[in-house]
Every structure is written in structure tokens, then in C-alpha cells.
Amino acid sequence: MHQSSDVMASDVTAAGGRLRGAWNRAAGPWNPRFRRLDSGGAGVWGLVSRGSCPGAESPLSDSAAVGQNHVMSLTEAGVQPDAEDAVVAASPTRRRSVLRLALVLATLAAGAVAMAGFAATRVPEFYRQRLAIEGAEDSARRLVSDVSALHASFVREGSWEAAFSEHDINAWLASDLPRNHGRLLPQAVANPRLRFTPRRVHAALRLGAGLASTVAVLVAEVQLREPNQLGIVVEDARLGSLPLPRGLVLGAIRRRFDQIGMVTAVRRLDGRTVLVVYIPSTHESGGMSHWLESLSIGEGTVAFAGHTRPGRSPLATPSDGGGS
């Protein structure tokens, strides 16, 4: 029987050793560990903690063990934290990341707005050069005189022609227009100017006032397709240096021609969107008919010629098909 008791004690001791080893492996290097507390081999075991110095061990109370467990990293102990604990631990970092991202996006947006504002306030060089007109009053009077002579020929039977310089036109725009015909300018529009290059008209004007103002620029190719039939292609439209949708600008031009009694159509010709403007040949019932037969836009000048014929002529209108 004595031998049987020894065997049983040995089995218990072995089982305890295995349990102790499993605890210590799960607990990690810094958690409380099972160690023999008696020096006489009485088989007394308990929880001890390791200090910062190797070999320094002391019995660990339940509250101390809990406190130390809170200091230790769960990952170092080989224990995976619960999902809820992981979310709580990651929340401050995630909030900081979101704040940094929001700050970067706000900075980029502010930079984009600043760049757009700077671009919108840029003034084209050709417009800047034409703001101050030397001898504006004399040039404006000359233009008025030339237009009067053209009108006298225009209303009589026969041929007529005229040529105007951009200098005289801009002089009239700078002096006579705001003084005597200011109602022709829409509100918040000022200082319109023109430039002529081969087959093209460059127009610019100032929108708004003060720091909120900008310069709108339009470049259009203008050709006479047939007598009393103009073809207009918008090649460029900008606010400062910011591009504008050319389709919208072409639509605005079309509405303006419609308002003054022209017949218009938008067509796709040679791969380009063309605004076709049909000029009425007669303005009064039974009156003379007027036919624009040539148009030439060169460097700094515009010239045109035509005929006035007696009797009423059919109104020039779009042909069937292809109009819109």
C-alpha cells in the first residue's frame, strides 16, 4: 500500500508539472508564473511575478497580477484581443488618419480654388494692348463717318463696299459706345475690344468690377459661305485663362442672332460644329433687297461688299435637311 501511495503521489506531481508548464507557456515571460514557494520541498506552489532583474521573483497577489497584466501587451503574451477591444484600441489612430486626410483634401481644394481664381483674373496681352486707344476721339468720328457713307450706298440700288480698321472700331468702343450707347452693353459688362486676324475675330470684354472682375475672351472663325450666309466656328472661349465649354458659348451667340431677327442653324460640317447665320435680304415689305457677297477678315482689318437690288427678294432661309 505504501508503494501504491508513492505511485499516486508521483502521478499527481507529474500532472501538476504538466499543468504548471502549460500555464507558464500561456502566460508569457512577464505574467505571473507557478513556482515552488517552499524551500524544503513541501510541495507548496503559488503565483509569482518576475521583476526587471533576472532571478528576482516574489509572490504575486491577485490585484498585483491584474495590474501587471494590464501593463503587458496582449500581443507579447501571445493572446489575441477581442474584436471589440481591437476597435477601441484602433479608434484614436483611425481618427487621426481621417483628420490628416481631411486636412490634405482641404489644402488641395483651397489650392485649386486659388489657382482657378488666379487663372480667371489673367488678362490676355492683346486685350491689354487695346485698352488705351491713342487718338480715340478722332478715330471714333472717322468710323462714324465711314458707316454713314456705307449706309447711304446700302439703301440705294447698286453695289457697295466698305473696310474698317480694328483701331477705329476699338476707338469707337472705348469712347462713343459708353458715352452715347451705353444701353447696348449688358449690366456688369465693360470695355469690349476686338482684334482681327486672317478669317478670325478675337473679342474680349471685362465682366464684373473690382477684384471680382475677369476678362472673357472669344476667338471665332467667320466666313461667308454663300451670299447672305455666314458660318461661325467658336475656336476658343475663356475666362482669363480658364477654358469655357465652346458648345455653350456657341448656343449663346445663336440666341443673340435670333433676337435681332436672323435665322440660324447649327450644323456639323467638315468635322466641326458650325453656326450658320442666314441674313434676311430685305427688312421692309416691298423694299430693296440687300446681298452680302464678299467678306474678308485680315490682319487688323475687315472688308465686305455686296449689292442692293430693287424689289422684294425671298428671305434667305435654311435649306431643308441638315439644320437644327
C-alpha atoms as a PDB file:
ATOM      1  CA  MET A   1       0.000   0.000   0.000  1.00  0.00           C
ATOM      2  CA  HIS A   2       2.843   2.324   0.786  1.00  0.00           C
ATOM      3  CA  GLN A   3       4.196   1.688  -2.691  1.00  0.00           C
ATOM      4  CA  SER A   4       0.758   2.438  -4.195  1.00  0.00           C
ATOM      5  CA  SER A   5       0.629   5.789  -2.362  1.00  0.00           C
ATOM      6  CA  ASP A   6       4.061   6.705  -3.689  1.00  0.00           C
ATOM      7  CA  VAL A   7       2.964   5.915  -7.228  1.00  0.00           C
ATOM      8  CA  MET A   8      -0.164   8.030  -6.812  1.00  0.00           C
ATOM      9  CA  ALA A   9       1.836  10.961  -5.427  1.00  0.00           C
ATOM     10  CA  SER A  10       4.242  10.673  -8.307  1.00  0.00           C
ATOM     11  CA  ASP A  11       1.367  10.767 -10.783  1.00  0.00           C
ATOM     12  CA  VAL A  12      -0.121  13.840  -9.090  1.00  0.00           C
ATOM     13  CA  THR A  13       3.259  15.561  -9.108  1.00  0.00           C
ATOM     14  CA  ALA A  14       3.713  14.808 -12.805  1.00  0.00           C
ATOM     15  CA  ALA A  15       0.220  16.078 -13.606  1.00  0.00           C
ATOM     16  CA  GLY A  16       0.906  19.217 -11.628  1.00  0.00           C
ATOM     17  CA  GLY A  17       4.130  19.740 -13.503  1.00  0.00           C
ATOM     18  CA  ARG A  18       2.357  19.474 -16.815  1.00  0.00           C
ATOM     19  CA  LEU A  19      -0.344  21.905 -15.668  1.00  0.00           C
ATOM     20  CA  ARG A  20       2.301  24.335 -14.422  1.00  0.00           C
ATOM     21  CA  GLY A  21       4.219  24.173 -17.704  1.00  0.00           C
ATOM     22  CA  ALA A  22       1.054  24.796 -19.725  1.00  0.00           C
ATOM     23  CA  TRP A  23       0.193  27.838 -17.549  1.00  0.00           C
ATOM     24  CA  ASN A  24       3.687  29.316 -17.809  1.00  0.00           C
ATOM     25  CA  ARG A  25       3.798  28.881 -21.603  1.00  0.00           C
ATOM     26  CA  ALA A  26       0.425  30.597 -21.998  1.00  0.00           C
ATOM     27  CA  ALA A  27       1.301  33.340 -19.517  1.00  0.00           C
ATOM     28  CA  GLY A  28       4.437  34.502 -21.326  1.00  0.00           C
ATOM     29  CA  PRO A  29       7.666  35.862 -19.927  1.00  0.00           C
ATOM     30  CA  TRP A  30       6.263  38.670 -17.785  1.00  0.00           C
ATOM     31  CA  ASN A  31       2.974  37.354 -16.441  1.00  0.00           C
ATOM     32  CA  PRO A  32       2.586  35.597 -13.050  1.00  0.00           C
ATOM     33  CA  ARG A  33       4.072  32.150 -13.072  1.00  0.00           C
ATOM     34  CA  PHE A  34       3.765  28.992 -10.930  1.00  0.00           C
ATOM     35  CA  ARG A  35       6.885  28.415  -8.860  1.00  0.00           C
ATOM     36  CA  ARG A  36       7.702  26.361  -5.726  1.00  0.00           C
ATOM     37  CA  LEU A  37       7.390  28.676  -2.768  1.00  0.00           C
ATOM     38  CA  ASP A  38       8.789  26.388  -0.076  1.00  0.00           C
ATOM     39  CA  SER A  39      12.448  25.756   0.262  1.00  0.00           C
ATOM     40  CA  GLY A  40      12.059  22.415   1.904  1.00  0.00           C
ATOM     41  CA  GLY A  41      10.332  20.561  -0.879  1.00  0.00           C
ATOM     42  CA  ALA A  42       6.960  20.510   0.844  1.00  0.00           C
ATOM     43  CA  GLY A  43       5.275  20.795  -2.487  1.00  0.00           C
ATOM     44  CA  VAL A  44       3.830  24.291  -1.940  1.00  0.00           C
ATOM     45  CA  TRP A  45       3.269  26.129  -5.219  1.00  0.00           C
ATOM     46  CA  GLY A  46       1.983  29.633  -5.936  1.00  0.00           C
ATOM     47  CA  LEU A  47       1.863  32.573  -8.407  1.00  0.00           C
ATOM     48  CA  VAL A  48       4.998  34.668  -8.577  1.00  0.00           C
ATOM     49  CA  SER A  49       5.979  37.589 -10.830  1.00  0.00           C
ATOM     50  CA  ARG A  50       9.320  38.289 -12.401  1.00  0.00           C
ATOM     51  CA  GLY A  51      10.836  41.665 -11.763  1.00  0.00           C
ATOM     52  CA  SER A  52      13.020  43.680 -14.047  1.00  0.00           C
ATOM     53  CA  CYS A  53      16.093  41.898 -12.818  1.00  0.00           C
ATOM     54  CA  PRO A  54      16.601  38.245 -13.737  1.00  0.00           C
ATOM     55  CA  GLY A  55      16.039  35.873 -10.840  1.00  0.00           C
ATOM     56  CA  ALA A  56      14.075  38.394  -8.806  1.00  0.00           C
ATOM     57  CA  GLU A  57      10.814  36.683  -8.067  1.00  0.00           C
ATOM     58  CA  SER A  58       8.171  37.414  -5.471  1.00  0.00           C
ATOM     59  CA  PRO A  59       4.748  36.084  -4.675  1.00  0.00           C
ATOM     60  CA  LEU A  60       2.087  37.953  -6.652  1.00  0.00           C
ATOM     61  CA  SER A  61      -1.255  38.823  -5.168  1.00  0.00           C
ATOM     62  CA  ASP A  62      -4.398  38.726  -7.274  1.00  0.00           C
ATOM     63  CA  SER A  63      -4.649  42.540  -7.519  1.00  0.00           C
ATOM     64  CA  ALA A  64      -0.951  42.896  -8.411  1.00  0.00           C
ATOM     65  CA  ALA A  65      -1.273  40.198 -11.034  1.00  0.00           C
ATOM     66  CA  VAL A  66      -4.233  42.043 -12.575  1.00  0.00           C
ATOM     67  CA  GLY A  67      -2.328  45.343 -12.570  1.00  0.00           C
ATOM     68  CA  GLN A  68       0.714  43.801 -14.188  1.00  0.00           C
ATOM     69  CA  ASN A  69      -1.435  42.052 -16.787  1.00  0.00           C
ATOM     70  CA  HIS A  70      -2.805  45.463 -17.818  1.00  0.00           C
ATOM     71  CA  VAL A  71       0.716  46.796 -18.357  1.00  0.00           C
ATOM     72  CA  MET A  72       1.751  43.895 -20.551  1.00  0.00           C
ATOM     73  CA  SER A  73       0.905  43.869 -24.252  1.00  0.00           C
ATOM     74  CA  LEU A  74      -1.617  41.226 -25.201  1.00  0.00           C
ATOM     75  CA  THR A  75       0.299  40.507 -28.365  1.00  0.00           C
ATOM     76  CA  GLU A  76       3.531  39.871 -26.427  1.00  0.00           C
ATOM     77  CA  ALA A  77       1.676  37.437 -24.217  1.00  0.00           C
ATOM     78  CA  GLY A  78       0.508  35.502 -27.255  1.00  0.00           C
ATOM     79  CA  VAL A  79      -3.154  36.258 -26.550  1.00  0.00           C
ATOM     80  CA  GLN A  80      -5.329  37.672 -29.338  1.00  0.00           C
ATOM     81  CA  PRO A  81      -7.529  40.571 -28.133  1.00  0.00           C
ATOM     82  CA  ASP A  82     -11.248  40.542 -28.672  1.00  0.00           C
ATOM     83  CA  ALA A  83     -12.547  42.343 -31.803  1.00  0.00           C
ATOM     84  CA  GLU A  84     -14.269  44.977 -29.650  1.00  0.00           C
ATOM     85  CA  ASP A  85     -11.033  45.700 -27.757  1.00  0.00           C
ATOM     86  CA  ALA A  86      -9.147  45.954 -31.079  1.00  0.00           C
ATOM     87  CA  VAL A  87     -11.650  48.519 -32.425  1.00  0.00           C
ATOM     88  CA  VAL A  88     -11.361  50.586 -29.260  1.00  0.00           C
ATOM     89  CA  ALA A  89      -7.562  50.454 -29.403  1.00  0.00           C
ATOM     90  CA  ALA A  90      -7.513  51.418 -33.108  1.00  0.00           C
ATOM     91  CA  SER A  91     -10.077  54.240 -32.850  1.00  0.00           C
ATOM     92  CA  PRO A  92      -7.641  57.059 -31.855  1.00  0.00           C
ATOM     93  CA  THR A  93      -5.252  56.117 -34.675  1.00  0.00           C
ATOM     94  CA  ARG A  94      -8.096  55.898 -37.160  1.00  0.00           C
ATOM     95  CA  ARG A  95      -9.427  59.280 -36.107  1.00  0.00           C
ATOM     96  CA  ARG A  96      -6.001  60.813 -36.552  1.00  0.00           C
ATOM     97  CA  SER A  97      -5.741  59.294 -40.029  1.00  0.00           C
ATOM     98  CA  VAL A  98      -9.156  60.657 -41.006  1.00  0.00           C
ATOM     99  CA  LEU A  99      -8.228  64.109 -39.720  1.00  0.00           C
ATOM    100  CA  ARG A 100      -4.964  64.083 -41.661  1.00  0.00           C
ATOM    101  CA  LEU A 101      -6.788  63.030 -44.832  1.00  0.00           C
ATOM    102  CA  ALA A 102      -9.395  65.769 -44.343  1.00  0.00           C
ATOM    103  CA  LEU A 103      -6.621  68.327 -43.845  1.00  0.00           C
ATOM    104  CA  VAL A 104      -4.845  67.230 -47.035  1.00  0.00           C
ATOM    105  CA  LEU A 105      -8.092  67.362 -49.050  1.00  0.00           C
ATOM    106  CA  ALA A 106      -8.953  70.810 -47.674  1.00  0.00           C
ATOM    107  CA  THR A 107      -5.466  72.076 -48.559  1.00  0.00           C
ATOM    108  CA  LEU A 108      -5.760  70.708 -52.099  1.00  0.00           C
ATOM    109  CA  ALA A 109      -9.216  72.235 -52.532  1.00  0.00           C
ATOM    110  CA  ALA A 110      -8.018  75.623 -51.298  1.00  0.00           C
ATOM    111  CA  GLY A 111      -5.041  75.448 -53.639  1.00  0.00           C
ATOM    112  CA  ALA A 112      -7.279  74.567 -56.589  1.00  0.00           C
ATOM    113  CA  VAL A 113      -9.616  77.461 -55.825  1.00  0.00           C
ATOM    114  CA  ALA A 114      -6.688  79.853 -55.511  1.00  0.00           C
ATOM    115  CA  MET A 115      -5.194  78.678 -58.807  1.00  0.00           C
ATOM    116  CA  ALA A 116      -8.569  78.947 -60.545  1.00  0.00           C
ATOM    117  CA  GLY A 117      -9.053  82.441 -59.165  1.00  0.00           C
ATOM    118  CA  PHE A 118      -5.594  83.484 -60.333  1.00  0.00           C
ATOM    119  CA  ALA A 119      -6.175  81.979 -63.778  1.00  0.00           C
ATOM    120  CA  ALA A 120      -9.550  83.696 -64.111  1.00  0.00           C
ATOM    121  CA  THR A 121      -8.023  87.111 -63.433  1.00  0.00           C
ATOM    122  CA  ARG A 122      -5.319  86.857 -66.072  1.00  0.00           C
ATOM    123  CA  VAL A 123      -5.632  89.477 -68.796  1.00  0.00           C
ATOM    124  CA  PRO A 124      -4.784  88.497 -72.401  1.00  0.00           C
ATOM    125  CA  GLU A 125      -1.992  90.548 -73.874  1.00  0.00           C
ATOM    126  CA  PHE A 126      -3.936  91.596 -76.973  1.00  0.00           C
ATOM    127  CA  TYR A 127      -6.708  92.962 -74.727  1.00  0.00           C
ATOM    128  CA  ARG A 128      -4.276  94.838 -72.503  1.00  0.00           C
ATOM    129  CA  GLN A 129      -2.664  96.464 -75.567  1.00  0.00           C
ATOM    130  CA  ARG A 130      -6.023  97.697 -76.877  1.00  0.00           C
ATOM    131  CA  LEU A 131      -7.412  99.204 -73.681  1.00  0.00           C
ATOM    132  CA  ALA A 132      -5.748 102.590 -74.211  1.00  0.00           C
ATOM    133  CA  ILE A 133      -6.534 103.973 -77.689  1.00  0.00           C
ATOM    134  CA  GLU A 134      -4.381 106.787 -78.978  1.00  0.00           C
ATOM    135  CA  GLY A 135      -6.449 109.490 -80.675  1.00  0.00           C
ATOM    136  CA  ALA A 136      -9.658 107.679 -79.735  1.00  0.00           C
ATOM    137  CA  GLU A 137     -11.991 110.621 -80.357  1.00  0.00           C
ATOM    138  CA  ASP A 138     -10.723 111.319 -83.899  1.00  0.00           C
ATOM    139  CA  SER A 139     -10.698 107.621 -84.800  1.00  0.00           C
ATOM    140  CA  ALA A 140     -14.233 107.169 -83.472  1.00  0.00           C
ATOM    141  CA  ARG A 141     -15.501 110.094 -85.552  1.00  0.00           C
ATOM    142  CA  ARG A 142     -13.840 108.635 -88.633  1.00  0.00           C
ATOM    143  CA  LEU A 143     -15.586 105.334 -88.084  1.00  0.00           C
ATOM    144  CA  VAL A 144     -18.971 107.046 -87.686  1.00  0.00           C
ATOM    145  CA  SER A 145     -18.371 108.909 -90.946  1.00  0.00           C
ATOM    146  CA  ASP A 146     -17.433 105.715 -92.814  1.00  0.00           C
ATOM    147  CA  VAL A 147     -20.503 103.899 -91.505  1.00  0.00           C
ATOM    148  CA  SER A 148     -22.734 106.788 -92.621  1.00  0.00           C
ATOM    149  CA  ALA A 149     -21.288 106.620 -96.127  1.00  0.00           C
ATOM    150  CA  LEU A 150     -21.832 102.873 -96.242  1.00  0.00           C
ATOM    151  CA  HIS A 151     -25.448 103.284 -95.170  1.00  0.00           C
ATOM    152  CA  ALA A 152     -26.072 105.832 -97.935  1.00  0.00           C
ATOM    153  CA  SER A 153     -24.861 103.319-100.530  1.00  0.00           C
ATOM    154  CA  PHE A 154     -26.578 100.425 -98.868  1.00  0.00           C
ATOM    155  CA  VAL A 155     -30.094 101.854 -99.194  1.00  0.00           C
ATOM    156  CA  ARG A 156     -29.687 102.716-102.904  1.00  0.00           C
ATOM    157  CA  GLU A 157     -29.692 100.338-105.835  1.00  0.00           C
ATOM    158  CA  GLY A 158     -26.231  99.296-106.830  1.00  0.00           C
ATOM    159  CA  SER A 159     -23.057  97.936-105.320  1.00  0.00           C
ATOM    160  CA  TRP A 160     -21.484  98.954-102.038  1.00  0.00           C
ATOM    161  CA  GLU A 161     -18.318  98.137-100.129  1.00  0.00           C
ATOM    162  CA  ALA A 162     -16.508  99.211 -97.010  1.00  0.00           C
ATOM    163  CA  ALA A 163     -13.374  98.493 -94.974  1.00  0.00           C
ATOM    164  CA  PHE A 164     -12.783  99.252 -91.311  1.00  0.00           C
ATOM    165  CA  SER A 165      -9.674  99.028 -89.159  1.00  0.00           C
ATOM    166  CA  GLU A 166      -9.723  97.455 -85.730  1.00  0.00           C
ATOM    167  CA  HIS A 167      -8.120 100.626 -84.393  1.00  0.00           C
ATOM    168  CA  ASP A 168     -11.098 102.767 -85.437  1.00  0.00           C
ATOM    169  CA  ILE A 169     -13.580 100.183 -84.171  1.00  0.00           C
ATOM    170  CA  ASN A 170     -11.851  99.928 -80.788  1.00  0.00           C
ATOM    171  CA  ALA A 171     -11.693 103.708 -80.568  1.00  0.00           C
ATOM    172  CA  TRP A 172     -15.455 103.859 -81.015  1.00  0.00           C
ATOM    173  CA  LEU A 173     -15.914 101.090 -78.438  1.00  0.00           C
ATOM    174  CA  ALA A 174     -13.723 102.977 -75.965  1.00  0.00           C
ATOM    175  CA  SER A 175     -15.246 106.446 -76.351  1.00  0.00           C
ATOM    176  CA  ASP A 176     -18.545 106.715 -78.205  1.00  0.00           C
ATOM    177  CA  LEU A 177     -20.160 103.452 -77.062  1.00  0.00           C
ATOM    178  CA  PRO A 178     -20.126 104.091 -73.274  1.00  0.00           C
ATOM    179  CA  ARG A 179     -20.935 107.778 -73.719  1.00  0.00           C
ATOM    180  CA  ASN A 180     -23.793 107.604 -76.219  1.00  0.00           C
ATOM    181  CA  HIS A 181     -24.887 103.972 -76.467  1.00  0.00           C
ATOM    182  CA  GLY A 182     -24.273 102.544 -73.007  1.00  0.00           C
ATOM    183  CA  ARG A 183     -27.645 100.758 -73.022  1.00  0.00           C
ATOM    184  CA  LEU A 184     -26.279  98.392 -75.676  1.00  0.00           C
ATOM    185  CA  LEU A 185     -23.947  96.885 -73.098  1.00  0.00           C
ATOM    186  CA  PRO A 186     -25.418  94.322 -70.698  1.00  0.00           C
ATOM    187  CA  GLN A 187     -25.084  95.029 -66.995  1.00  0.00           C
ATOM    188  CA  ALA A 188     -21.651  94.261 -65.498  1.00  0.00           C
ATOM    189  CA  VAL A 189     -20.041  94.321 -68.976  1.00  0.00           C
ATOM    190  CA  ALA A 190     -17.437  96.960 -69.843  1.00  0.00           C
ATOM    191  CA  ASN A 191     -14.555  97.774 -72.166  1.00  0.00           C
ATOM    192  CA  PRO A 192     -15.217  95.490 -75.156  1.00  0.00           C
ATOM    193  CA  ARG A 193     -12.344  95.234 -77.624  1.00  0.00           C
ATOM    194  CA  LEU A 194     -11.740  93.483 -80.956  1.00  0.00           C
ATOM    195  CA  ARG A 195      -8.777  92.072 -82.784  1.00  0.00           C
ATOM    196  CA  PHE A 196      -8.762  90.863 -86.395  1.00  0.00           C
ATOM    197  CA  THR A 197      -6.525  88.127 -87.765  1.00  0.00           C
ATOM    198  CA  PRO A 198      -6.982  86.244 -91.058  1.00  0.00           C
ATOM    199  CA  ARG A 199     -10.549  84.809 -91.066  1.00  0.00           C
ATOM    200  CA  ARG A 200     -10.843  85.266 -87.307  1.00  0.00           C
ATOM    201  CA  VAL A 201     -12.361  87.711 -84.862  1.00  0.00           C
ATOM    202  CA  HIS A 202     -10.921  87.936 -81.351  1.00  0.00           C
ATOM    203  CA  ALA A 203     -13.318  89.588 -78.918  1.00  0.00           C
ATOM    204  CA  ALA A 204     -12.713  90.409 -75.273  1.00  0.00           C
ATOM    205  CA  LEU A 205     -14.574  92.316 -72.569  1.00  0.00           C
ATOM    206  CA  ARG A 206     -14.477  92.781 -68.836  1.00  0.00           C
ATOM    207  CA  LEU A 207     -17.079  91.137 -66.636  1.00  0.00           C
ATOM    208  CA  GLY A 208     -17.781  92.438 -63.149  1.00  0.00           C
ATOM    209  CA  ALA A 209     -15.897  95.109 -61.261  1.00  0.00           C
ATOM    210  CA  GLY A 210     -13.035  95.369 -58.817  1.00  0.00           C
ATOM    211  CA  LEU A 211     -11.301  92.263 -57.521  1.00  0.00           C
ATOM    212  CA  ALA A 212     -14.212  90.087 -58.627  1.00  0.00           C
ATOM    213  CA  SER A 213     -13.866  91.066 -62.290  1.00  0.00           C
ATOM    214  CA  THR A 214     -12.431  88.940 -65.077  1.00  0.00           C
ATOM    215  CA  VAL A 215     -11.877  89.158 -68.820  1.00  0.00           C
ATOM    216  CA  ALA A 216     -13.961  86.980 -71.141  1.00  0.00           C
ATOM    217  CA  VAL A 217     -12.282  86.077 -74.440  1.00  0.00           C
ATOM    218  CA  LEU A 218     -13.795  84.633 -77.604  1.00  0.00           C
ATOM    219  CA  VAL A 219     -11.972  83.553 -80.757  1.00  0.00           C
ATOM    220  CA  ALA A 220     -14.223  82.710 -83.694  1.00  0.00           C
ATOM    221  CA  GLU A 221     -13.607  81.869 -87.315  1.00  0.00           C
ATOM    222  CA  VAL A 222     -16.048  83.806 -89.504  1.00  0.00           C
ATOM    223  CA  GLN A 223     -16.535  83.133 -93.217  1.00  0.00           C
ATOM    224  CA  LEU A 224     -19.110  83.936 -95.865  1.00  0.00           C
ATOM    225  CA  ARG A 225     -20.318  80.547 -97.080  1.00  0.00           C
ATOM    226  CA  GLU A 226     -22.783  81.893 -99.632  1.00  0.00           C
ATOM    227  CA  PRO A 227     -24.368  85.326-100.242  1.00  0.00           C
ATOM    228  CA  ASN A 228     -26.068  86.364 -97.003  1.00  0.00           C
ATOM    229  CA  GLN A 229     -24.928  83.181 -95.255  1.00  0.00           C
ATOM    230  CA  LEU A 230     -22.292  83.326 -92.551  1.00  0.00           C
ATOM    231  CA  GLY A 231     -20.502  80.363 -90.995  1.00  0.00           C
ATOM    232  CA  ILE A 232     -19.184  80.833 -87.459  1.00  0.00           C
ATOM    233  CA  VAL A 233     -16.960  78.379 -85.593  1.00  0.00           C
ATOM    234  CA  VAL A 234     -16.021  79.013 -81.958  1.00  0.00           C
ATOM    235  CA  GLU A 235     -12.345  78.094 -81.694  1.00  0.00           C
ATOM    236  CA  ASP A 236     -11.681  79.288 -78.156  1.00  0.00           C
ATOM    237  CA  ALA A 237     -13.608  80.754 -75.239  1.00  0.00           C
ATOM    238  CA  ARG A 238     -12.108  81.638 -71.864  1.00  0.00           C
ATOM    239  CA  LEU A 239     -12.483  83.492 -68.611  1.00  0.00           C
ATOM    240  CA  GLY A 240      -8.967  84.784 -68.138  1.00  0.00           C
ATOM    241  CA  SER A 241      -7.052  81.598 -68.892  1.00  0.00           C
ATOM    242  CA  LEU A 242      -9.823  79.214 -67.782  1.00  0.00           C
ATOM    243  CA  PRO A 243     -11.457  77.467 -70.768  1.00  0.00           C
ATOM    244  CA  LEU A 244     -15.219  77.623 -71.257  1.00  0.00           C
ATOM    245  CA  PRO A 245     -17.407  74.988 -72.984  1.00  0.00           C
ATOM    246  CA  ARG A 246     -17.471  76.030 -76.624  1.00  0.00           C
ATOM    247  CA  GLY A 247     -20.870  74.453 -77.190  1.00  0.00           C
ATOM    248  CA  LEU A 248     -22.473  76.641 -74.535  1.00  0.00           C
ATOM    249  CA  VAL A 249     -20.796  79.753 -75.951  1.00  0.00           C
ATOM    250  CA  LEU A 250     -21.969  78.903 -79.469  1.00  0.00           C
ATOM    251  CA  GLY A 251     -25.521  78.492 -78.135  1.00  0.00           C
ATOM    252  CA  ALA A 252     -25.371  81.936 -76.506  1.00  0.00           C
ATOM    253  CA  ILE A 253     -24.195  83.508 -79.784  1.00  0.00           C
ATOM    254  CA  ARG A 254     -27.012  81.789 -81.631  1.00  0.00           C
ATOM    255  CA  ARG A 255     -29.621  83.182 -79.244  1.00  0.00           C
ATOM    256  CA  ARG A 256     -28.230  86.669 -79.723  1.00  0.00           C
ATOM    257  CA  PHE A 257     -28.556  86.426 -83.521  1.00  0.00           C
ATOM    258  CA  ASP A 258     -32.095  85.072 -83.142  1.00  0.00           C
ATOM    259  CA  GLN A 259     -33.020  88.080 -81.006  1.00  0.00           C
ATOM    260  CA  ILE A 260     -32.057  90.542 -83.759  1.00  0.00           C
ATOM    261  CA  GLY A 261     -34.091  88.719 -86.400  1.00  0.00           C
ATOM    262  CA  MET A 262     -31.545  86.430 -88.020  1.00  0.00           C
ATOM    263  CA  VAL A 263     -32.322  82.849 -88.985  1.00  0.00           C
ATOM    264  CA  THR A 264     -29.795  80.395 -87.533  1.00  0.00           C
ATOM    265  CA  ALA A 265     -28.950  76.708 -87.655  1.00  0.00           C
ATOM    266  CA  VAL A 266     -26.230  74.583 -86.078  1.00  0.00           C
ATOM    267  CA  ARG A 267     -24.630  72.045 -88.397  1.00  0.00           C
ATOM    268  CA  ARG A 268     -21.773  69.587 -88.357  1.00  0.00           C
ATOM    269  CA  LEU A 269     -19.554  70.472 -91.320  1.00  0.00           C
ATOM    270  CA  ASP A 270     -16.090  69.099 -92.045  1.00  0.00           C
ATOM    271  CA  GLY A 271     -15.896  67.627 -88.557  1.00  0.00           C
ATOM    272  CA  ARG A 272     -16.642  70.952 -86.856  1.00  0.00           C
ATOM    273  CA  THR A 273     -19.720  72.452 -85.237  1.00  0.00           C
ATOM    274  CA  VAL A 274     -20.737  75.463 -87.325  1.00  0.00           C
ATOM    275  CA  LEU A 275     -23.313  78.110 -86.542  1.00  0.00           C
ATOM    276  CA  VAL A 276     -24.891  79.084 -89.867  1.00  0.00           C
ATOM    277  CA  VAL A 277     -26.467  82.560 -89.880  1.00  0.00           C
ATOM    278  CA  TYR A 278     -28.867  83.479 -92.682  1.00  0.00           C
ATOM    279  CA  ILE A 279     -29.087  87.246 -93.163  1.00  0.00           C
ATOM    280  CA  PRO A 280     -32.520  88.432 -94.370  1.00  0.00           C
ATOM    281  CA  SER A 281     -32.192  90.022 -97.778  1.00  0.00           C
ATOM    282  CA  THR A 282     -34.945  92.573 -97.139  1.00  0.00           C
ATOM    283  CA  HIS A 283     -36.089  94.283 -93.969  1.00  0.00           C
ATOM    284  CA  GLU A 284     -39.254  96.008 -95.218  1.00  0.00           C
ATOM    285  CA  SER A 285     -42.185  94.754 -97.254  1.00  0.00           C
ATOM    286  CA  GLY A 286     -41.657  95.708-100.889  1.00  0.00           C
ATOM    287  CA  GLY A 287     -38.318  97.350-100.110  1.00  0.00           C
ATOM    288  CA  MET A 288     -34.883  96.877-101.577  1.00  0.00           C
ATOM    289  CA  SER A 289     -33.068  93.585-101.095  1.00  0.00           C
ATOM    290  CA  HIS A 290     -29.515  93.642 -99.807  1.00  0.00           C
ATOM    291  CA  TRP A 291     -26.965  90.929-100.537  1.00  0.00           C
ATOM    292  CA  LEU A 292     -23.668  90.477 -98.785  1.00  0.00           C
ATOM    293  CA  GLU A 293     -21.438  88.885-101.427  1.00  0.00           C
ATOM    294  CA  SER A 294     -17.924  89.053-100.003  1.00  0.00           C
ATOM    295  CA  LEU A 295     -16.297  89.188 -96.603  1.00  0.00           C
ATOM    296  CA  SER A 296     -12.601  89.425 -95.880  1.00  0.00           C
ATOM    297  CA  ILE A 297     -11.060  89.476 -92.418  1.00  0.00           C
ATOM    298  CA  GLY A 298      -7.339  90.188 -92.440  1.00  0.00           C
ATOM    299  CA  GLU A 299      -4.686  91.351 -90.026  1.00  0.00           C
ATOM    300  CA  GLY A 300      -6.215  94.371 -88.303  1.00  0.00           C
ATOM    301  CA  THR A 301      -8.957  94.974 -90.891  1.00  0.00           C
ATOM    302  CA  VAL A 302     -12.353  93.762 -92.020  1.00  0.00           C
ATOM    303  CA  ALA A 303     -13.779  94.439 -95.502  1.00  0.00           C
ATOM    304  CA  PHE A 304     -17.030  93.465 -97.170  1.00  0.00           C
ATOM    305  CA  ALA A 305     -19.010  94.223-100.326  1.00  0.00           C
ATOM    306  CA  GLY A 306     -22.404  93.500-101.828  1.00  0.00           C
ATOM    307  CA  HIS A 307     -25.341  94.686-103.925  1.00  0.00           C
ATOM    308  CA  THR A 308     -28.679  96.319-103.328  1.00  0.00           C
ATOM    309  CA  ARG A 309     -31.365  95.237-105.784  1.00  0.00           C
ATOM    310  CA  PRO A 310     -34.831  96.708-106.389  1.00  0.00           C
ATOM    311  CA  GLY A 311     -37.963  94.838-105.409  1.00  0.00           C
ATOM    312  CA  ARG A 312     -38.609  92.212-102.805  1.00  0.00           C
ATOM    313  CA  SER A 313     -36.433  89.103-102.791  1.00  0.00           C
ATOM    314  CA  PRO A 314     -37.184  85.857-100.977  1.00  0.00           C
ATOM    315  CA  LEU A 315     -35.927  85.707 -97.435  1.00  0.00           C
ATOM    316  CA  ALA A 316     -32.767  83.648 -97.175  1.00  0.00           C
ATOM    317  CA  THR A 317     -33.631  80.661 -95.024  1.00  0.00           C
ATOM    318  CA  PRO A 318     -32.039  77.325 -94.227  1.00  0.00           C
ATOM    319  CA  SER A 319     -32.455  74.659 -96.871  1.00  0.00           C
ATOM    320  CA  ASP A 320     -34.351  71.515 -95.957  1.00  0.00           C
ATOM    321  CA  GLY A 321     -32.344  68.946 -94.036  1.00  0.00           C
ATOM    322  CA  GLY A 322     -29.214  69.419 -92.001  1.00  0.00           C
ATOM    323  CA  GLY A 323     -30.468  72.351 -89.904  1.00  0.00           C
ATOM    324  CA  SER A 324     -31.267  72.349 -86.230  1.00  0.00           C
END
